Amino acid sequence: MSTKGTSEDSSEVHQNDGSDGKSFEEAISATGFGLYNILLVATSLIWFSASLNITTSPGLIMPIAQCDLDLDLDRKGWLNSIVYLGMIFGASIWGVVGDMFGRKIIITGGLFLLGTFNILYGFTTSYYMLVILEFFAGFLSSENSASGPIGAYMVYVPEFLGVKYRARVMVFVCSFITLGAIVSMLFGLLILTQSINISIGSREYHSWQVYYWACSSFGLIGGCLSLLFPESPKYLMSRGKNAEALKALQRIYSINTRKSSESYPVR
């Protein structure tokens, strides 16, 4: 199994004996569509929820955190917008990082960091510290189709789909951008409407901080689940890691078809 060249556009797969060359599209189509793809798509909803929580949460917590953080109109404006400033800076590098080191490192690392930032939000008692954290979280999430974890999801998921299913499944996956925001808001409805006061040492934490802690589960659980999936076979092939790509394709085929990986028709 090998590729023609090392560029991202390379998609040629060959037999070990050098004959019967097959394209990447033929190789990924041979894995079929089944349980593996369903699990990947379902998991991506958690990934989207983790990233979109970064942009929806500031507006949700403001009415509750107004007294704790001494928020006036100017401070509310900065708190709600600083995450987008972080995205502007992050957008310039994540696409390059994804091409250099792979989609999975962006997804897994980004999700764990977003979960960690939510935990830190919860322990914040200073307006300025929260603004700084929001900026760096925005830098990580870069909510656009070209960079950051969301961009990585949009590239990673279709690279496991044959051309027969790709367009239809991705239309469904794109709806997760809206569903992820709705999930975050439902969390807010459940938690922010409650009167919660938790004392840890000499400090007291309220419902808006508990909300952030609860939302950290999206990133942490999503990061753990991402470890179960391999790097994109197309990316591996473009970097000449053909043996790893073949193992990934065989694994997908085995899960989807319930057959032995050895019976995967492409070698």
Protein backbone atom coordinates (compact mmCIF):
# COMPACT_ATOMS: atom_id res chain seq x y z
CA MET A 1 0.00 0.00 0.00
CA SER A 2 1.54 3.33 -0.99
CA THR A 3 0.75 6.81 -2.17
CA LYS A 4 1.69 8.85 -5.20
CA GLY A 5 3.76 11.63 -3.71
CA THR A 6 3.41 13.02 -0.23
CA SER A 7 0.97 15.89 -0.71
CA GLU A 8 -2.40 16.11 1.00
CA ASP A 9 -4.13 15.58 -2.34
CA SER A 10 -2.43 12.23 -2.89
CA SER A 11 -5.01 9.45 -2.94
CA GLU A 12 -3.48 6.53 -4.81
CA VAL A 13 -3.33 3.12 -3.15
CA HIS A 14 -1.42 0.25 -4.65
CA GLN A 15 -1.15 -3.47 -4.01
CA ASN A 16 2.05 -4.65 -2.35
CA ASP A 17 3.18 -6.17 -5.62
CA GLY A 18 2.76 -2.83 -7.37
CA SER A 19 -0.22 -3.89 -9.51
CA ASP A 20 -3.93 -3.09 -9.53
CA GLY A 21 -3.58 0.43 -8.17
CA LYS A 22 -6.65 1.60 -6.26
CA SER A 23 -7.59 5.15 -5.32
CA PHE A 24 -8.16 6.22 -1.74
CA GLU A 25 -11.85 6.57 -2.55
CA GLU A 26 -12.00 2.92 -3.54
CA ALA A 27 -10.09 1.91 -0.42
CA ILE A 28 -12.33 3.83 1.99
CA SER A 29 -15.47 2.75 0.14
CA ALA A 30 -14.40 -0.87 0.61
CA THR A 31 -14.73 -0.40 4.39
CA GLY A 32 -18.49 0.11 3.95
CA PHE A 33 -20.79 2.07 6.22
CA GLY A 34 -21.77 0.69 9.59
CA LEU A 35 -21.21 0.72 13.34
CA TYR A 36 -17.83 2.47 13.15
CA ASN A 37 -19.21 5.42 11.21
CA ILE A 38 -22.30 5.67 13.42
CA LEU A 39 -20.13 5.77 16.57
CA LEU A 40 -17.86 8.39 15.02
CA VAL A 41 -20.78 10.61 14.02
CA ALA A 42 -22.44 10.24 17.44
CA THR A 43 -19.17 11.08 19.20
CA SER A 44 -18.74 14.18 17.05
CA LEU A 45 -21.86 15.66 18.68
CA ILE A 46 -19.97 15.70 21.98
CA TRP A 47 -17.00 17.29 20.22
CA PHE A 48 -19.15 20.05 18.75
CA SER A 49 -20.84 20.64 22.10
CA ALA A 50 -17.44 21.09 23.78
CA SER A 51 -16.29 23.68 21.23
CA LEU A 52 -19.57 25.59 20.92
CA ASN A 53 -19.91 25.84 24.70
CA ILE A 54 -17.01 28.29 24.60
CA THR A 55 -19.06 30.82 22.63
CA THR A 56 -22.47 30.29 24.23
CA SER A 57 -21.51 30.19 27.92
CA PRO A 58 -20.46 33.86 28.49
CA GLY A 59 -23.89 35.17 27.53
CA LEU A 60 -25.60 32.55 29.69
CA ILE A 61 -23.67 33.20 32.90
CA MET A 62 -23.74 37.02 32.81
CA PRO A 63 -27.06 37.53 34.64
CA ILE A 64 -25.97 35.12 37.39
CA ALA A 65 -22.33 36.24 37.65
CA GLN A 66 -23.08 39.97 37.43
CA CYS A 67 -22.64 40.63 41.13
CA ASP A 68 -19.75 38.19 41.67
CA LEU A 69 -17.70 39.71 38.83
CA ASP A 70 -18.95 43.29 39.19
CA LEU A 71 -20.08 43.41 35.57
CA ASP A 72 -21.06 46.71 33.97
CA LEU A 73 -21.98 47.17 30.30
CA ASP A 74 -18.37 47.52 29.16
CA ARG A 75 -17.27 44.43 31.03
CA LYS A 76 -20.19 42.42 29.68
CA GLY A 77 -19.26 43.45 26.15
CA TRP A 78 -15.64 42.39 26.59
CA LEU A 79 -16.57 39.12 28.28
CA ASN A 80 -18.94 38.21 25.47
CA SER A 81 -16.61 39.19 22.63
CA ILE A 82 -13.09 38.35 23.83
CA VAL A 83 -13.50 34.70 22.80
CA TYR A 84 -13.93 35.80 19.18
CA LEU A 85 -10.75 37.86 19.38
CA GLY A 86 -8.97 34.69 20.45
CA MET A 87 -10.45 32.88 17.46
CA ILE A 88 -9.01 35.47 15.08
CA PHE A 89 -5.50 34.76 16.34
CA GLY A 90 -5.99 30.99 16.53
CA ALA A 91 -7.41 30.70 13.03
CA SER A 92 -4.06 31.62 11.47
CA ILE A 93 -2.19 28.61 12.83
CA TRP A 94 -4.52 25.63 13.38
CA GLY A 95 -4.82 24.68 9.73
CA VAL A 96 -1.02 24.55 9.44
CA VAL A 97 -0.70 22.55 12.67
CA GLY A 98 -3.35 20.08 11.46
CA ASP A 99 -1.52 19.50 8.18
CA MET A 100 1.83 19.08 9.93
CA PHE A 101 0.84 16.85 12.85
CA GLY A 102 -2.50 15.35 11.89
CA ARG A 103 -6.18 15.84 12.64
CA LYS A 104 -6.28 13.68 15.75
CA ILE A 105 -3.77 15.68 17.78
CA ILE A 106 -5.85 18.81 17.15
CA ILE A 107 -9.08 17.04 18.15
CA THR A 108 -7.80 15.16 21.21
CA GLY A 109 -5.52 17.89 22.52
CA GLY A 110 -8.07 20.62 21.84
CA LEU A 111 -10.88 18.78 23.61
CA PHE A 112 -8.85 18.06 26.74
CA LEU A 113 -7.69 21.68 26.87
CA LEU A 114 -11.24 23.01 26.41
CA GLY A 115 -12.40 20.76 29.25
CA THR A 116 -9.56 22.02 31.42
CA PHE A 117 -10.42 25.64 30.65
CA ASN A 118 -14.02 25.04 31.78
CA ILE A 119 -12.73 23.71 35.09
CA LEU A 120 -10.54 26.79 35.49
CA TYR A 121 -13.51 29.04 34.66
CA GLY A 122 -15.35 27.52 37.60
CA PHE A 123 -12.58 28.41 40.02
CA THR A 124 -12.35 31.97 38.73
CA THR A 125 -13.42 34.73 41.09
CA SER A 126 -11.87 37.59 39.10
CA TYR A 127 -13.32 39.26 36.02
CA TYR A 128 -9.89 39.80 34.50
CA MET A 129 -8.85 36.19 34.96
CA LEU A 130 -12.06 35.02 33.29
CA VAL A 131 -11.46 37.34 30.32
CA ILE A 132 -7.91 36.03 29.89
CA LEU A 133 -9.11 32.42 30.02
CA GLU A 134 -11.89 33.19 27.52
CA PHE A 135 -9.33 34.64 25.11
CA PHE A 136 -7.14 31.53 25.19
CA ALA A 137 -10.16 29.23 24.97
CA GLY A 138 -11.23 31.13 21.84
CA PHE A 139 -7.70 30.73 20.49
CA LEU A 140 -8.11 26.96 20.93
CA SER A 141 -11.63 26.61 19.58
CA SER A 142 -11.31 28.86 16.48
CA GLU A 143 -14.94 28.39 15.52
CA ASN A 144 -14.73 28.47 11.75
CA SER A 145 -14.67 25.87 9.01
CA ALA A 146 -10.97 26.25 8.29
CA SER A 147 -9.20 25.86 11.61
CA GLY A 148 -9.25 24.74 15.21
CA PRO A 149 -11.01 21.68 16.61
CA ILE A 150 -14.26 22.41 14.75
CA GLY A 151 -12.38 22.62 11.47
CA ALA A 152 -10.59 19.37 12.36
CA TYR A 153 -13.93 17.62 13.02
CA MET A 154 -15.22 18.77 9.64
CA VAL A 155 -12.17 17.32 7.90
CA TYR A 156 -11.71 14.20 10.03
CA VAL A 157 -15.23 12.75 9.91
CA PRO A 158 -15.71 12.73 6.09
CA GLU A 159 -12.30 11.11 5.61
CA PHE A 160 -13.82 7.93 7.08
CA LEU A 161 -16.76 7.95 4.68
CA GLY A 162 -17.03 6.59 1.17
CA VAL A 163 -18.20 8.97 -1.52
CA LYS A 164 -21.59 7.20 -1.57
CA TYR A 165 -22.42 8.33 1.97
CA ARG A 166 -20.19 11.36 2.50
CA ALA A 167 -22.47 14.19 1.38
CA ARG A 168 -25.58 12.90 3.16
CA VAL A 169 -23.78 12.16 6.42
CA MET A 170 -21.99 15.52 6.45
CA VAL A 171 -25.27 17.39 6.00
CA PHE A 172 -26.38 15.62 9.18
CA VAL A 173 -23.07 16.31 10.96
CA CYS A 174 -23.27 20.02 10.08
CA SER A 175 -26.51 20.19 12.05
CA PHE A 176 -24.44 19.39 15.13
CA ILE A 177 -23.12 22.95 15.04
CA THR A 178 -26.63 24.03 16.03
CA LEU A 179 -27.34 21.02 18.24
CA GLY A 180 -24.09 21.54 20.14
CA ALA A 181 -25.14 25.07 21.04
CA ILE A 182 -28.58 23.81 22.08
CA VAL A 183 -27.04 21.17 24.36
CA SER A 184 -24.93 23.85 26.04
CA MET A 185 -28.01 26.03 26.58
CA LEU A 186 -29.98 23.09 28.01
CA PHE A 187 -27.18 22.59 30.53
CA GLY A 188 -27.56 26.26 31.41
CA LEU A 189 -31.33 25.87 31.82
CA LEU A 190 -30.85 22.96 34.20
CA ILE A 191 -28.06 24.47 36.31
CA LEU A 192 -28.20 28.26 36.08
CA THR A 193 -31.84 28.38 37.14
CA GLN A 194 -30.96 26.69 40.43
CA SER A 195 -29.71 28.41 43.58
CA ILE A 196 -26.42 26.62 44.15
CA ASN A 197 -23.84 27.61 46.74
CA ILE A 198 -20.82 25.38 47.37
CA SER A 199 -18.15 26.21 49.93
CA ILE A 200 -14.61 24.98 49.27
CA GLY A 201 -12.25 26.19 51.94
CA SER A 202 -12.84 29.88 52.50
CA ARG A 203 -14.42 30.45 49.09
CA GLU A 204 -18.01 30.07 47.98
CA TYR A 205 -18.93 29.01 44.47
CA HIS A 206 -22.26 29.63 42.79
CA SER A 207 -24.40 28.16 40.03
CA TRP A 208 -22.52 29.84 37.16
CA GLN A 209 -19.29 28.26 38.34
CA VAL A 210 -20.94 24.86 38.76
CA TYR A 211 -22.25 25.28 35.21
CA TYR A 212 -18.71 25.64 33.91
CA TRP A 213 -17.61 22.55 35.82
CA ALA A 214 -20.50 20.57 34.37
CA CYS A 215 -19.65 21.75 30.85
CA SER A 216 -16.07 20.54 31.26
CA SER A 217 -17.49 17.04 30.85
CA PHE A 218 -17.99 17.69 27.12
CA GLY A 219 -14.31 18.30 26.51
CA LEU A 220 -12.99 15.63 28.88
CA ILE A 221 -15.37 12.88 27.76
CA GLY A 222 -14.98 13.88 24.12
CA GLY A 223 -11.19 13.80 24.47
CA CYS A 224 -11.29 10.31 26.00
CA LEU A 225 -13.60 9.06 23.25
CA SER A 226 -11.36 10.52 20.54
CA LEU A 227 -8.57 8.23 21.74
CA LEU A 228 -10.65 5.27 20.54
CA PHE A 229 -10.48 6.43 16.92
CA PRO A 230 -7.39 6.22 14.68
CA GLU A 231 -5.73 9.00 12.75
CA SER A 232 -7.31 9.68 9.38
CA PRO A 233 -6.11 7.05 6.88
CA LYS A 234 -5.96 9.71 4.16
CA TYR A 235 -3.68 11.88 6.30
CA LEU A 236 -1.46 8.88 7.13
CA MET A 237 -1.15 7.99 3.46
CA SER A 238 -0.25 11.56 2.53
CA ARG A 239 2.62 11.33 5.01
CA GLY A 240 3.82 7.98 3.69
CA LYS A 241 2.63 6.05 6.75
CA ASN A 242 1.02 3.39 4.61
CA ALA A 243 1.20 0.49 7.06
CA GLU A 244 -0.64 2.56 9.71
CA ALA A 245 -3.22 3.64 7.17
CA LEU A 246 -3.84 0.04 6.13
CA LYS A 247 -4.31 -1.04 9.75
CA ALA A 248 -6.84 1.77 10.26
CA LEU A 249 -8.75 0.81 7.13
CA GLN A 250 -8.76 -2.86 8.14
CA ARG A 251 -10.09 -1.96 11.58
CA ILE A 252 -12.90 0.15 10.13
CA TYR A 253 -13.77 -2.63 7.70
CA SER A 254 -13.85 -5.23 10.48
CA ILE A 255 -16.14 -3.14 12.72
CA ASN A 256 -18.48 -2.19 9.89
CA THR A 257 -18.82 -5.60 8.28
CA ARG A 258 -18.26 -7.87 11.33
CA LYS A 259 -15.67 -9.73 9.24
CA SER A 260 -12.01 -10.44 9.85
CA SER A 261 -9.70 -7.55 9.06
CA GLU A 262 -7.68 -9.97 6.95
CA SER A 263 -10.54 -10.17 4.48
CA TYR A 264 -10.30 -6.44 3.70
CA PRO A 265 -9.97 -6.44 -0.10
CA VAL A 266 -7.26 -3.75 -0.41
CA ARG A 267 -3.66 -4.57 0.41
